[in-house]
C-alpha atoms as a PDB file:
ATOM      1  CA  UNK A   1      12.248   3.075  20.028  1.00  0.00           C
ATOM      2  CA  UNK A   2       8.761   4.446  19.415  1.00  0.00           C
ATOM      3  CA  UNK A   3       6.270   2.517  17.345  1.00  0.00           C
ATOM      4  CA  UNK A   4       4.904   4.209  14.268  1.00  0.00           C
ATOM      5  CA  UNK A   5       1.118   4.597  14.333  1.00  0.00           C
ATOM      6  CA  UNK A   6       0.606   3.865  10.641  1.00  0.00           C
ATOM      7  CA  UNK A   7       0.892   5.605   7.313  1.00  0.00           C
ATOM      8  CA  UNK A   8      -0.163   9.231   7.013  1.00  0.00           C
ATOM      9  CA  UNK A   9      -2.935  10.250   4.646  1.00  0.00           C
ATOM     10  CA  UNK A  10      -0.313  11.612   2.254  1.00  0.00           C
ATOM     11  CA  UNK A  11       1.582   8.308   2.315  1.00  0.00           C
ATOM     12  CA  UNK A  12      -1.629   6.395   1.577  1.00  0.00           C
ATOM     13  CA  UNK A  13      -2.357   8.660  -1.403  1.00  0.00           C
ATOM     14  CA  UNK A  14       1.189   8.176  -2.765  1.00  0.00           C
ATOM     15  CA  UNK A  15       0.839   4.409  -2.269  1.00  0.00           C
ATOM     16  CA  UNK A  16      -2.464   4.236  -4.165  1.00  0.00           C
ATOM     17  CA  UNK A  17      -1.018   6.418  -6.941  1.00  0.00           C
ATOM     18  CA  UNK A  18       1.972   4.067  -7.249  1.00  0.00           C
ATOM     19  CA  UNK A  19      -0.314   1.024  -7.512  1.00  0.00           C
ATOM     20  CA  UNK A  20      -2.491   2.787 -10.082  1.00  0.00           C
ATOM     21  CA  UNK A  21       0.516   3.850 -12.175  1.00  0.00           C
ATOM     22  CA  UNK A  22       2.004   0.354 -12.384  1.00  0.00           C
ATOM     23  CA  UNK A  23      -1.281  -1.492 -13.080  1.00  0.00           C
ATOM     24  CA  UNK A  24      -1.084  -1.103 -16.893  1.00  0.00           C
ATOM     25  CA  UNK A  25       2.145  -3.134 -16.827  1.00  0.00           C
ATOM     26  CA  UNK A  26       0.391  -6.236 -15.475  1.00  0.00           C
ATOM     27  CA  UNK A  27       0.720  -9.344 -17.599  1.00  0.00           C
ATOM     28  CA  UNK A  28      -2.764 -10.856 -17.567  1.00  0.00           C
ATOM     29  CA  UNK A  29      -3.521 -12.272 -21.042  1.00  0.00           C
ATOM     30  CA  UNK A  30      -5.661 -15.117 -19.658  1.00  0.00           C
ATOM     31  CA  UNK A  31      -7.832 -13.570 -16.946  1.00  0.00           C
ATOM     32  CA  UNK A  32      -7.635  -9.955 -18.155  1.00  0.00           C
ATOM     33  CA  UNK A  33      -7.685  -9.126 -14.410  1.00  0.00           C
ATOM     34  CA  UNK A  34      -4.955  -6.469 -14.279  1.00  0.00           C
ATOM     35  CA  UNK A  35      -3.740  -5.629 -10.783  1.00  0.00           C
ATOM     36  CA  UNK A  36      -1.296  -3.004  -9.611  1.00  0.00           C
ATOM     37  CA  UNK A  37      -0.027  -3.115  -6.044  1.00  0.00           C
ATOM     38  CA  UNK A  38       2.343  -1.100  -3.932  1.00  0.00           C
ATOM     39  CA  UNK A  39       3.654  -1.686  -0.434  1.00  0.00           C
ATOM     40  CA  UNK A  40       4.975   0.886   1.992  1.00  0.00           C
ATOM     41  CA  UNK A  41       7.988  -0.709   3.649  1.00  0.00           C
ATOM     42  CA  UNK A  42      10.057   1.220   6.146  1.00  0.00           C
ATOM     43  CA  UNK A  43       9.059   4.526   4.550  1.00  0.00           C
ATOM     44  CA  UNK A  44       9.688   3.501   0.910  1.00  0.00           C
ATOM     45  CA  UNK A  45       7.265   2.396  -1.782  1.00  0.00           C
ATOM     46  CA  UNK A  46       7.743  -0.798  -3.809  1.00  0.00           C
ATOM     47  CA  UNK A  47       5.454  -1.689  -6.714  1.00  0.00           C
ATOM     48  CA  UNK A  48       4.330  -4.934  -8.288  1.00  0.00           C
ATOM     49  CA  UNK A  49       1.910  -6.281 -10.887  1.00  0.00           C
ATOM     50  CA  UNK A  50       0.322  -9.655 -11.415  1.00  0.00           C
ATOM     51  CA  UNK A  51       2.166 -11.904 -13.841  1.00  0.00           C
ATOM     52  CA  UNK A  52       0.140 -14.757 -15.310  1.00  0.00           C
ATOM     53  CA  UNK A  53       1.341 -17.917 -16.958  1.00  0.00           C
ATOM     54  CA  UNK A  54      -0.391 -20.409 -19.248  1.00  0.00           C
ATOM     55  CA  UNK A  55       0.216 -22.883 -16.437  1.00  0.00           C
ATOM     56  CA  UNK A  56      -2.117 -21.008 -14.079  1.00  0.00           C
ATOM     57  CA  UNK A  57      -0.615 -22.149 -10.750  1.00  0.00           C
ATOM     58  CA  UNK A  58       2.671 -20.519 -11.745  1.00  0.00           C
ATOM     59  CA  UNK A  59       1.062 -17.069 -11.896  1.00  0.00           C
ATOM     60  CA  UNK A  60       2.058 -14.556  -9.225  1.00  0.00           C
ATOM     61  CA  UNK A  61      -0.107 -11.851  -7.676  1.00  0.00           C
ATOM     62  CA  UNK A  62       0.785  -8.156  -7.733  1.00  0.00           C
ATOM     63  CA  UNK A  63       0.869  -7.919  -3.945  1.00  0.00           C
ATOM     64  CA  UNK A  64       3.406 -10.735  -3.615  1.00  0.00           C
ATOM     65  CA  UNK A  65       5.548  -9.194  -6.352  1.00  0.00           C
ATOM     66  CA  UNK A  66       5.531  -5.848  -4.499  1.00  0.00           C
ATOM     67  CA  UNK A  67       6.513  -7.633  -1.267  1.00  0.00           C
ATOM     68  CA  UNK A  68       9.314  -9.429  -3.128  1.00  0.00           C
ATOM     69  CA  UNK A  69      10.623  -6.092  -4.456  1.00  0.00           C
ATOM     70  CA  UNK A  70      10.683  -4.695  -0.913  1.00  0.00           C
ATOM     71  CA  UNK A  71      12.455  -7.785   0.434  1.00  0.00           C
ATOM     72  CA  UNK A  72      14.981  -7.679  -2.423  1.00  0.00           C
ATOM     73  CA  UNK A  73      15.739  -4.090  -1.394  1.00  0.00           C
ATOM     74  CA  UNK A  74      16.459  -5.271   2.148  1.00  0.00           C
ATOM     75  CA  UNK A  75      13.170  -4.247   3.769  1.00  0.00           C
ATOM     76  CA  UNK A  76      11.631  -6.508   6.383  1.00  0.00           C
ATOM     77  CA  UNK A  77       8.670  -4.485   7.698  1.00  0.00           C
ATOM     78  CA  UNK A  78       5.590  -3.551   5.655  1.00  0.00           C
ATOM     79  CA  UNK A  79       3.268  -0.857   6.958  1.00  0.00           C
ATOM     80  CA  UNK A  80       0.634  -0.690   4.211  1.00  0.00           C
ATOM     81  CA  UNK A  81      -0.405  -2.134   0.866  1.00  0.00           C
ATOM     82  CA  UNK A  82      -2.489  -0.575  -1.893  1.00  0.00           C
ATOM     83  CA  UNK A  83      -4.257  -2.599  -4.580  1.00  0.00           C
ATOM     84  CA  UNK A  84      -5.829  -1.107  -7.715  1.00  0.00           C
ATOM     85  CA  UNK A  85      -8.056  -3.078 -10.093  1.00  0.00           C
ATOM     86  CA  UNK A  86     -10.491  -2.340 -12.904  1.00  0.00           C
ATOM     87  CA  UNK A  87     -13.372  -4.047 -11.087  1.00  0.00           C
ATOM     88  CA  UNK A  88     -16.574  -2.265 -10.029  1.00  0.00           C
ATOM     89  CA  UNK A  89     -15.883  -2.827  -6.319  1.00  0.00           C
ATOM     90  CA  UNK A  90     -12.590  -2.605  -4.410  1.00  0.00           C
ATOM     91  CA  UNK A  91     -10.804  -5.974  -4.402  1.00  0.00           C
ATOM     92  CA  UNK A  92      -8.913  -7.138  -1.302  1.00  0.00           C
ATOM     93  CA  UNK A  93      -5.787  -9.304  -1.587  1.00  0.00           C
ATOM     94  CA  UNK A  94      -6.334 -13.047  -2.033  1.00  0.00           C
ATOM     95  CA  UNK A  95      -5.734 -15.429   0.860  1.00  0.00           C
ATOM     96  CA  UNK A  96      -2.191 -16.292  -0.215  1.00  0.00           C
ATOM     97  CA  UNK A  97      -1.238 -12.628  -0.438  1.00  0.00           C
ATOM     98  CA  UNK A  98      -2.777 -11.976   2.964  1.00  0.00           C
ATOM     99  CA  UNK A  99      -0.560 -14.667   4.445  1.00  0.00           C
ATOM    100  CA  UNK A 100       2.577 -13.250   2.779  1.00  0.00           C
ATOM    101  CA  UNK A 101       1.726  -9.715   3.926  1.00  0.00           C
ATOM    102  CA  UNK A 102       1.258 -11.009   7.472  1.00  0.00           C
ATOM    103  CA  UNK A 103       4.824 -12.333   7.472  1.00  0.00           C
ATOM    104  CA  UNK A 104       6.158  -8.783   7.066  1.00  0.00           C
ATOM    105  CA  UNK A 105       3.506  -6.770   8.889  1.00  0.00           C
ATOM    106  CA  UNK A 106       0.649  -8.337  10.803  1.00  0.00           C
ATOM    107  CA  UNK A 107      -0.886  -4.908  11.403  1.00  0.00           C
ATOM    108  CA  UNK A 108      -0.690  -3.783   7.755  1.00  0.00           C
ATOM    109  CA  UNK A 109      -3.211  -1.250   6.481  1.00  0.00           C
ATOM    110  CA  UNK A 110      -4.868  -2.625   3.311  1.00  0.00           C
ATOM    111  CA  UNK A 111      -6.255  -0.086   0.842  1.00  0.00           C
ATOM    112  CA  UNK A 112      -8.074  -1.177  -2.312  1.00  0.00           C
ATOM    113  CA  UNK A 113      -9.252   1.199  -5.016  1.00  0.00           C
ATOM    114  CA  UNK A 114     -11.006   0.848  -8.359  1.00  0.00           C
ATOM    115  CA  UNK A 115     -10.119   2.789 -11.487  1.00  0.00           C
ATOM    116  CA  UNK A 116     -13.313   4.774 -10.847  1.00  0.00           C
ATOM    117  CA  UNK A 117     -11.980   5.838  -7.440  1.00  0.00           C
ATOM    118  CA  UNK A 118     -14.108   3.640  -5.145  1.00  0.00           C
ATOM    119  CA  UNK A 119     -12.000   2.814  -2.106  1.00  0.00           C
ATOM    120  CA  UNK A 120     -12.149   0.382   0.806  1.00  0.00           C
ATOM    121  CA  UNK A 121      -9.730  -0.039   3.689  1.00  0.00           C
ATOM    122  CA  UNK A 122      -9.173  -2.847   6.164  1.00  0.00           C
ATOM    123  CA  UNK A 123      -6.593  -3.889   8.679  1.00  0.00           C
ATOM    124  CA  UNK A 124      -4.865  -7.114   7.706  1.00  0.00           C
ATOM    125  CA  UNK A 125      -6.119  -8.596  10.968  1.00  0.00           C
ATOM    126  CA  UNK A 126      -9.701  -8.033   9.749  1.00  0.00           C
ATOM    127  CA  UNK A 127      -8.939  -9.904   6.526  1.00  0.00           C
ATOM    128  CA  UNK A 128      -6.851 -12.658   8.143  1.00  0.00           C
ATOM    129  CA  UNK A 129      -7.987 -12.972  11.773  1.00  0.00           C
ATOM    130  CA  UNK A 130      -6.190 -16.191  12.744  1.00  0.00           C
ATOM    131  CA  UNK A 131      -3.031 -16.060  10.667  1.00  0.00           C
ATOM    132  CA  UNK A 132      -0.471 -18.840  10.596  1.00  0.00           C
ATOM    133  CA  UNK A 133       2.816 -17.395  11.836  1.00  0.00           C
ATOM    134  CA  UNK A 134       6.068 -18.313  13.520  1.00  0.00           C
ATOM    135  CA  UNK A 135       4.231 -19.042  16.771  1.00  0.00           C
ATOM    136  CA  UNK A 136       2.324 -21.786  14.911  1.00  0.00           C
ATOM    137  CA  UNK A 137       5.532 -23.731  14.266  1.00  0.00           C
ATOM    138  CA  UNK A 138       6.906 -26.297  16.683  1.00  0.00           C
ATOM    139  CA  UNK A 139      10.125 -25.418  18.396  1.00  0.00           C
ATOM    140  CA  UNK A 140      13.232 -27.603  18.230  1.00  0.00           C
END
């Protein structure tokens, strides 16, 4: 089986558009930090938004919600994630989201874009260079 090199430019554009389109649905009454995210998982796009809660620790990030949608659909491999925010500079996923993304694709392409169209890209390995993974766990 051949290994896929990564998402095409067209796939990246569709991924960013999906994240941008879902962003207005974010529930962020406390921080007003609305985030739309989309993951490309085994050739399909799954979207998510951040959902806040008055009990702040119970809030969930857009990236993790997009991953959960992909997993619920039976996907187990993520190739790329797009994040769209209203900030002045592109915003990468938080540390917790980086760890969750690593579980399903350690070589994920991360694309972040602002509403004004400023874009940054990273590999997940750049953002999380020494990730905790299954090899970190003790065997039986």
